[in-house]
Amino acid sequence: MRNGEIITLICLSLTARYHRVSFEPEGFWMQRGGIFGKSDREMPVFSAFSRMSRLKKEQNRVASQRGLREE
């Protein structure tokens, strides 16, 4: 964060909880939700993902908004 990077922490639980995003006072974005839960309005209520495939999906989804590179 010293160099102006945008930090995003994605915390996934083994649930179908909807995702919530907040900007934390410490200066980073926190996304919390379930591996199987909705992260945007177009998604179904439940989606089958592995932890790693969900993490990659979320990284790609927020890449342009947060200045992340797609991997």
PDB file of N, CA and C in Angstrom:
ATOM      1  N   MET A   1       0.810  -1.191   0.000  1.00  0.00           N
ATOM      2  CA  MET A   1       0.000   0.000   0.000  1.00  0.00           C
ATOM      3  C   MET A   1       0.854   1.255   0.000  1.00  0.00           C
ATOM      4  N   ARG A   2       2.114   1.120   0.362  1.00  0.00           N
ATOM      5  CA  ARG A   2       2.986   2.292   0.363  1.00  0.00           C
ATOM      6  C   ARG A   2       3.175   2.873  -1.028  1.00  0.00           C
ATOM      7  N   ASN A   3       3.161   2.001  -2.032  1.00  0.00           N
ATOM      8  CA  ASN A   3       3.409   2.439  -3.394  1.00  0.00           C
ATOM      9  C   ASN A   3       2.131   2.690  -4.174  1.00  0.00           C
ATOM     10  N   GLY A   4       1.019   2.814  -3.504  1.00  0.00           N
ATOM     11  CA  GLY A   4      -0.241   3.083  -4.158  1.00  0.00           C
ATOM     12  C   GLY A   4      -0.950   1.847  -4.698  1.00  0.00           C
ATOM     13  N   GLU A   5      -0.459   0.642  -4.338  1.00  0.00           N
ATOM     14  CA  GLU A   5      -1.137  -0.568  -4.793  1.00  0.00           C
ATOM     15  C   GLU A   5      -2.508  -0.666  -4.151  1.00  0.00           C
ATOM     16  N   ILE A   6      -3.435  -1.315  -4.860  1.00  0.00           N
ATOM     17  CA  ILE A   6      -4.756  -1.577  -4.310  1.00  0.00           C
ATOM     18  C   ILE A   6      -4.752  -3.017  -3.815  1.00  0.00           C
ATOM     19  N   ILE A   7      -4.981  -3.210  -2.532  1.00  0.00           N
ATOM     20  CA  ILE A   7      -4.957  -4.535  -1.913  1.00  0.00           C
ATOM     21  C   ILE A   7      -6.386  -5.050  -1.781  1.00  0.00           C
ATOM     22  N   THR A   8      -6.593  -6.293  -2.217  1.00  0.00           N
ATOM     23  CA  THR A   8      -7.888  -6.950  -2.083  1.00  0.00           C
ATOM     24  C   THR A   8      -7.678  -8.286  -1.400  1.00  0.00           C
ATOM     25  N   LEU A   9      -8.379  -8.508  -0.304  1.00  0.00           N
ATOM     26  CA  LEU A   9      -8.331  -9.776   0.417  1.00  0.00           C
ATOM     27  C   LEU A   9      -9.657 -10.483   0.177  1.00  0.00           C
ATOM     28  N   ILE A  10      -9.598 -11.703  -0.359  1.00  0.00           N
ATOM     29  CA  ILE A  10     -10.804 -12.483  -0.632  1.00  0.00           C
ATOM     30  C   ILE A  10     -10.848 -13.631   0.361  1.00  0.00           C
ATOM     31  N   CYS A  11     -11.833 -13.599   1.229  1.00  0.00           N
ATOM     32  CA  CYS A  11     -12.004 -14.582   2.307  1.00  0.00           C
ATOM     33  C   CYS A  11     -13.196 -15.468   1.976  1.00  0.00           C
ATOM     34  N   LEU A  12     -12.961 -16.738   1.664  1.00  0.00           N
ATOM     35  CA  LEU A  12     -14.022 -17.649   1.259  1.00  0.00           C
ATOM     36  C   LEU A  12     -14.292 -18.694   2.345  1.00  0.00           C
ATOM     37  N   SER A  13     -15.564 -18.864   2.671  1.00  0.00           N
ATOM     38  CA  SER A  13     -15.959 -19.909   3.616  1.00  0.00           C
ATOM     39  C   SER A  13     -16.595 -21.060   2.839  1.00  0.00           C
ATOM     40  N   LEU A  14     -16.738 -22.188   3.460  1.00  0.00           N
ATOM     41  CA  LEU A  14     -17.316 -23.371   2.829  1.00  0.00           C
ATOM     42  C   LEU A  14     -18.840 -23.330   2.958  1.00  0.00           C
ATOM     43  N   THR A  15     -19.441 -22.229   2.460  1.00  0.00           N
ATOM     44  CA  THR A  15     -20.881 -21.994   2.568  1.00  0.00           C
ATOM     45  C   THR A  15     -21.414 -21.431   1.253  1.00  0.00           C
ATOM     46  N   ALA A  16     -22.712 -21.131   1.238  1.00  0.00           N
ATOM     47  CA  ALA A  16     -23.348 -20.476   0.087  1.00  0.00           C
ATOM     48  C   ALA A  16     -23.717 -19.025   0.427  1.00  0.00           C
ATOM     49  N   ARG A  17     -23.004 -18.431   1.378  1.00  0.00           N
ATOM     50  CA  ARG A  17     -23.283 -17.029   1.740  1.00  0.00           C
ATOM     51  C   ARG A  17     -23.014 -16.093   0.583  1.00  0.00           C
ATOM     52  N   TYR A  18     -23.876 -15.089   0.440  1.00  0.00           N
ATOM     53  CA  TYR A  18     -23.654 -14.057  -0.550  1.00  0.00           C
ATOM     54  C   TYR A  18     -22.364 -13.309  -0.201  1.00  0.00           C
ATOM     55  N   HIS A  19     -21.720 -12.759  -1.213  1.00  0.00           N
ATOM     56  CA  HIS A  19     -20.474 -12.026  -0.994  1.00  0.00           C
ATOM     57  C   HIS A  19     -20.776 -10.578  -0.627  1.00  0.00           C
ATOM     58  N   ARG A  20     -19.938 -10.052   0.247  1.00  0.00           N
ATOM     59  CA  ARG A  20     -20.010  -8.637   0.656  1.00  0.00           C
ATOM     60  C   ARG A  20     -18.615  -8.062   0.521  1.00  0.00           C
ATOM     61  N   VAL A  21     -18.558  -6.837   0.067  1.00  0.00           N
ATOM     62  CA  VAL A  21     -17.278  -6.153  -0.112  1.00  0.00           C
ATOM     63  C   VAL A  21     -17.288  -4.886   0.721  1.00  0.00           C
ATOM     64  N   SER A  22     -16.174  -4.636   1.420  1.00  0.00           N
ATOM     65  CA  SER A  22     -16.057  -3.409   2.203  1.00  0.00           C
ATOM     66  C   SER A  22     -14.631  -2.882   2.097  1.00  0.00           C
ATOM     67  N   PHE A  23     -14.499  -1.581   2.259  1.00  0.00           N
ATOM     68  CA  PHE A  23     -13.175  -0.969   2.330  1.00  0.00           C
ATOM     69  C   PHE A  23     -12.843  -0.810   3.800  1.00  0.00           C
ATOM     70  N   GLU A  24     -11.791  -1.473   4.237  1.00  0.00           N
ATOM     71  CA  GLU A  24     -11.422  -1.505   5.653  1.00  0.00           C
ATOM     72  C   GLU A  24     -10.625  -0.255   6.050  1.00  0.00           C
ATOM     73  N   PRO A  25     -10.736   0.168   7.311  1.00  0.00           N
ATOM     74  CA  PRO A  25     -10.027   1.365   7.773  1.00  0.00           C
ATOM     75  C   PRO A  25      -8.507   1.284   7.592  1.00  0.00           C
ATOM     76  N   GLU A  26      -7.980   0.067   7.566  1.00  0.00           N
ATOM     77  CA  GLU A  26      -6.530  -0.110   7.391  1.00  0.00           C
ATOM     78  C   GLU A  26      -6.080   0.154   5.958  1.00  0.00           C
ATOM     79  N   GLY A  27      -7.047   0.331   5.029  1.00  0.00           N
ATOM     80  CA  GLY A  27      -6.701   0.724   3.673  1.00  0.00           C
ATOM     81  C   GLY A  27      -6.732  -0.387   2.635  1.00  0.00           C
ATOM     82  N   PHE A  28      -7.506  -1.430   2.838  1.00  0.00           N
ATOM     83  CA  PHE A  28      -7.605  -2.491   1.837  1.00  0.00           C
ATOM     84  C   PHE A  28      -9.062  -2.908   1.650  1.00  0.00           C
ATOM     85  N   TRP A  29      -9.338  -3.543   0.514  1.00  0.00           N
ATOM     86  CA  TRP A  29     -10.660  -4.074   0.212  1.00  0.00           C
ATOM     87  C   TRP A  29     -10.774  -5.481   0.768  1.00  0.00           C
ATOM     88  N   MET A  30     -11.901  -5.788   1.413  1.00  0.00           N
ATOM     89  CA  MET A  30     -12.168  -7.116   1.966  1.00  0.00           C
ATOM     90  C   MET A  30     -13.428  -7.656   1.316  1.00  0.00           C
ATOM     91  N   GLN A  31     -13.311  -8.812   0.666  1.00  0.00           N
ATOM     92  CA  GLN A  31     -14.471  -9.493   0.096  1.00  0.00           C
ATOM     93  C   GLN A  31     -14.670 -10.776   0.890  1.00  0.00           C
ATOM     94  N   ARG A  32     -15.857 -10.920   1.485  1.00  0.00           N
ATOM     95  CA  ARG A  32     -16.191 -12.108   2.274  1.00  0.00           C
ATOM     96  C   ARG A  32     -17.407 -12.783   1.671  1.00  0.00           C
ATOM     97  N   GLY A  33     -17.408 -14.107   1.691  1.00  0.00           N
ATOM     98  CA  GLY A  33     -18.560 -14.849   1.211  1.00  0.00           C
ATOM     99  C   GLY A  33     -18.237 -16.318   1.079  1.00  0.00           C
ATOM    100  N   GLY A  34     -19.237 -17.072   0.680  1.00  0.00           N
ATOM    101  CA  GLY A  34     -19.065 -18.506   0.545  1.00  0.00           C
ATOM    102  C   GLY A  34     -18.566 -18.912  -0.829  1.00  0.00           C
ATOM    103  N   ILE A  35     -17.879 -20.021  -0.877  1.00  0.00           N
ATOM    104  CA  ILE A  35     -17.399 -20.560  -2.148  1.00  0.00           C
ATOM    105  C   ILE A  35     -18.566 -20.742  -3.117  1.00  0.00           C
ATOM    106  N   PHE A  36     -19.720 -21.127  -2.595  1.00  0.00           N
ATOM    107  CA  PHE A  36     -20.867 -21.450  -3.431  1.00  0.00           C
ATOM    108  C   PHE A  36     -21.881 -20.307  -3.548  1.00  0.00           C
ATOM    109  N   GLY A  37     -21.624 -19.164  -2.928  1.00  0.00           N
ATOM    110  CA  GLY A  37     -22.585 -18.059  -2.881  1.00  0.00           C
ATOM    111  C   GLY A  37     -22.451 -17.064  -4.024  1.00  0.00           C
ATOM    112  N   LYS A  38     -23.464 -16.197  -4.149  1.00  0.00           N
ATOM    113  CA  LYS A  38     -23.505 -15.171  -5.192  1.00  0.00           C
ATOM    114  C   LYS A  38     -22.515 -14.048  -4.895  1.00  0.00           C
ATOM    115  N   SER A  39     -21.836 -13.597  -5.958  1.00  0.00           N
ATOM    116  CA  SER A  39     -20.994 -12.417  -5.814  1.00  0.00           C
ATOM    117  C   SER A  39     -21.473 -11.285  -6.712  1.00  0.00           C
ATOM    118  N   ASP A  40     -22.400 -11.579  -7.613  1.00  0.00           N
ATOM    119  CA  ASP A  40     -23.032 -10.517  -8.391  1.00  0.00           C
ATOM    120  C   ASP A  40     -24.478 -10.904  -8.698  1.00  0.00           C
ATOM    121  N   ARG A  41     -25.242  -9.942  -9.165  1.00  0.00           N
ATOM    122  CA  ARG A  41     -26.689 -10.135  -9.341  1.00  0.00           C
ATOM    123  C   ARG A  41     -27.044 -11.187 -10.380  1.00  0.00           C
ATOM    124  N   GLU A  42     -26.169 -11.420 -11.330  1.00  0.00           N
ATOM    125  CA  GLU A  42     -26.459 -12.349 -12.420  1.00  0.00           C
ATOM    126  C   GLU A  42     -26.243 -13.815 -12.037  1.00  0.00           C
ATOM    127  N   MET A  43     -25.581 -14.073 -10.945  1.00  0.00           N
ATOM    128  CA  MET A  43     -25.278 -15.454 -10.551  1.00  0.00           C
ATOM    129  C   MET A  43     -26.483 -16.129  -9.907  1.00  0.00           C
ATOM    130  N   PRO A  44     -26.576 -17.461 -10.047  1.00  0.00           N
ATOM    131  CA  PRO A  44     -27.630 -18.179  -9.329  1.00  0.00           C
ATOM    132  C   PRO A  44     -27.344 -18.166  -7.830  1.00  0.00           C
ATOM    133  N   VAL A  45     -28.317 -18.511  -7.025  1.00  0.00           N
ATOM    134  CA  VAL A  45     -28.160 -18.510  -5.564  1.00  0.00           C
ATOM    135  C   VAL A  45     -27.066 -19.480  -5.130  1.00  0.00           C
ATOM    136  N   PHE A  46     -26.936 -20.598  -5.824  1.00  0.00           N
ATOM    137  CA  PHE A  46     -25.912 -21.594  -5.496  1.00  0.00           C
ATOM    138  C   PHE A  46     -25.161 -21.952  -6.763  1.00  0.00           C
ATOM    139  N   SER A  47     -23.832 -21.971  -6.689  1.00  0.00           N
ATOM    140  CA  SER A  47     -22.977 -22.378  -7.813  1.00  0.00           C
ATOM    141  C   SER A  47     -21.925 -23.333  -7.287  1.00  0.00           C
ATOM    142  N   ALA A  48     -21.679 -24.412  -8.029  1.00  0.00           N
ATOM    143  CA  ALA A  48     -20.674 -25.399  -7.618  1.00  0.00           C
ATOM    144  C   ALA A  48     -19.290 -24.957  -8.096  1.00  0.00           C
ATOM    145  N   PHE A  49     -18.381 -24.749  -7.160  1.00  0.00           N
ATOM    146  CA  PHE A  49     -17.001 -24.353  -7.443  1.00  0.00           C
ATOM    147  C   PHE A  49     -16.076 -25.093  -6.499  1.00  0.00           C
ATOM    148  N   SER A  50     -14.836 -25.298  -6.925  1.00  0.00           N
ATOM    149  CA  SER A  50     -13.788 -25.667  -5.969  1.00  0.00           C
ATOM    150  C   SER A  50     -13.283 -24.355  -5.376  1.00  0.00           C
ATOM    151  N   ARG A  51     -12.583 -24.414  -4.270  1.00  0.00           N
ATOM    152  CA  ARG A  51     -12.058 -23.194  -3.646  1.00  0.00           C
ATOM    153  C   ARG A  51     -11.168 -22.430  -4.626  1.00  0.00           C
ATOM    154  N   MET A  52     -10.272 -23.143  -5.316  1.00  0.00           N
ATOM    155  CA  MET A  52      -9.335 -22.471  -6.221  1.00  0.00           C
ATOM    156  C   MET A  52     -10.046 -21.887  -7.442  1.00  0.00           C
ATOM    157  N   SER A  53     -11.019 -22.618  -8.014  1.00  0.00           N
ATOM    158  CA  SER A  53     -11.710 -22.070  -9.183  1.00  0.00           C
ATOM    159  C   SER A  53     -12.534 -20.842  -8.800  1.00  0.00           C
ATOM    160  N   ARG A  54     -13.098 -20.832  -7.594  1.00  0.00           N
ATOM    161  CA  ARG A  54     -13.862 -19.659  -7.151  1.00  0.00           C
ATOM    162  C   ARG A  54     -12.940 -18.474  -6.922  1.00  0.00           C
ATOM    163  N   LEU A  55     -11.795 -18.719  -6.327  1.00  0.00           N
ATOM    164  CA  LEU A  55     -10.830 -17.651  -6.106  1.00  0.00           C
ATOM    165  C   LEU A  55     -10.403 -17.038  -7.444  1.00  0.00           C
ATOM    166  N   LYS A  56     -10.096 -17.865  -8.426  1.00  0.00           N
ATOM    167  CA  LYS A  56      -9.704 -17.364  -9.748  1.00  0.00           C
ATOM    168  C   LYS A  56     -10.834 -16.570 -10.392  1.00  0.00           C
ATOM    169  N   LYS A  57     -12.073 -17.065 -10.262  1.00  0.00           N
ATOM    170  CA  LYS A  57     -13.229 -16.353 -10.822  1.00  0.00           C
ATOM    171  C   LYS A  57     -13.354 -14.968 -10.201  1.00  0.00           C
ATOM    172  N   GLU A  58     -13.212 -14.885  -8.883  1.00  0.00           N
ATOM    173  CA  GLU A  58     -13.339 -13.588  -8.201  1.00  0.00           C
ATOM    174  C   GLU A  58     -12.177 -12.666  -8.534  1.00  0.00           C
ATOM    175  N   GLN A  59     -10.973 -13.199  -8.641  1.00  0.00           N
ATOM    176  CA  GLN A  59      -9.827 -12.376  -9.038  1.00  0.00           C
ATOM    177  C   GLN A  59     -10.069 -11.763 -10.407  1.00  0.00           C
ATOM    178  N   ASN A  60     -10.529 -12.563 -11.340  1.00  0.00           N
ATOM    179  CA  ASN A  60     -10.794 -12.059 -12.691  1.00  0.00           C
ATOM    180  C   ASN A  60     -11.944 -11.067 -12.703  1.00  0.00           C
ATOM    181  N   ARG A  61     -12.960 -11.317 -11.881  1.00  0.00           N
ATOM    182  CA  ARG A  61     -14.139 -10.446 -11.860  1.00  0.00           C
ATOM    183  C   ARG A  61     -13.797  -9.039 -11.369  1.00  0.00           C
ATOM    184  N   VAL A  62     -12.933  -8.923 -10.384  1.00  0.00           N
ATOM    185  CA  VAL A  62     -12.623  -7.603  -9.824  1.00  0.00           C
ATOM    186  C   VAL A  62     -11.338  -6.988 -10.372  1.00  0.00           C
ATOM    187  N   ALA A  63     -10.664  -7.681 -11.288  1.00  0.00           N
ATOM    188  CA  ALA A  63      -9.360  -7.217 -11.780  1.00  0.00           C
ATOM    189  C   ALA A  63      -9.401  -5.793 -12.329  1.00  0.00           C
ATOM    190  N   SER A  64     -10.353  -5.495 -13.173  1.00  0.00           N
ATOM    191  CA  SER A  64     -10.369  -4.158 -13.786  1.00  0.00           C
ATOM    192  C   SER A  64     -10.744  -3.077 -12.773  1.00  0.00           C
ATOM    193  N   GLN A  65     -11.544  -3.423 -11.782  1.00  0.00           N
ATOM    194  CA  GLN A  65     -11.958  -2.449 -10.769  1.00  0.00           C
ATOM    195  C   GLN A  65     -10.852  -2.134  -9.780  1.00  0.00           C
ATOM    196  N   ARG A  66      -9.975  -3.091  -9.531  1.00  0.00           N
ATOM    197  CA  ARG A  66      -8.980  -2.946  -8.474  1.00  0.00           C
ATOM    198  C   ARG A  66      -7.555  -2.851  -8.977  1.00  0.00           C
ATOM    199  N   GLY A  67      -7.353  -2.824 -10.277  1.00  0.00           N
ATOM    200  CA  GLY A  67      -6.010  -2.719 -10.808  1.00  0.00           C
ATOM    201  C   GLY A  67      -5.212  -3.999 -10.679  1.00  0.00           C
ATOM    202  N   LEU A  68      -5.894  -5.134 -10.626  1.00  0.00           N
ATOM    203  CA  LEU A  68      -5.221  -6.427 -10.544  1.00  0.00           C
ATOM    204  C   LEU A  68      -4.957  -6.959 -11.944  1.00  0.00           C
ATOM    205  N   ARG A  69      -3.904  -7.729 -12.068  1.00  0.00           N
ATOM    206  CA  ARG A  69      -3.647  -8.410 -13.335  1.00  0.00           C
ATOM    207  C   ARG A  69      -4.424  -9.715 -13.349  1.00  0.00           C
ATOM    208  N   GLU A  70      -4.988 -10.078 -14.501  1.00  0.00           N
ATOM    209  CA  GLU A  70      -5.651 -11.368 -14.620  1.00  0.00           C
ATOM    210  C   GLU A  70      -4.578 -12.437 -14.732  1.00  0.00           C
ATOM    211  N   GLU A  71      -4.760 -13.553 -14.004  1.00  0.00           N
ATOM    212  CA  GLU A  71      -3.753 -14.627 -14.014  1.00  0.00           C
ATOM    213  C   GLU A  71      -4.385 -15.902 -14.441  1.00  0.00           C
TER     214      GLU A  71
END
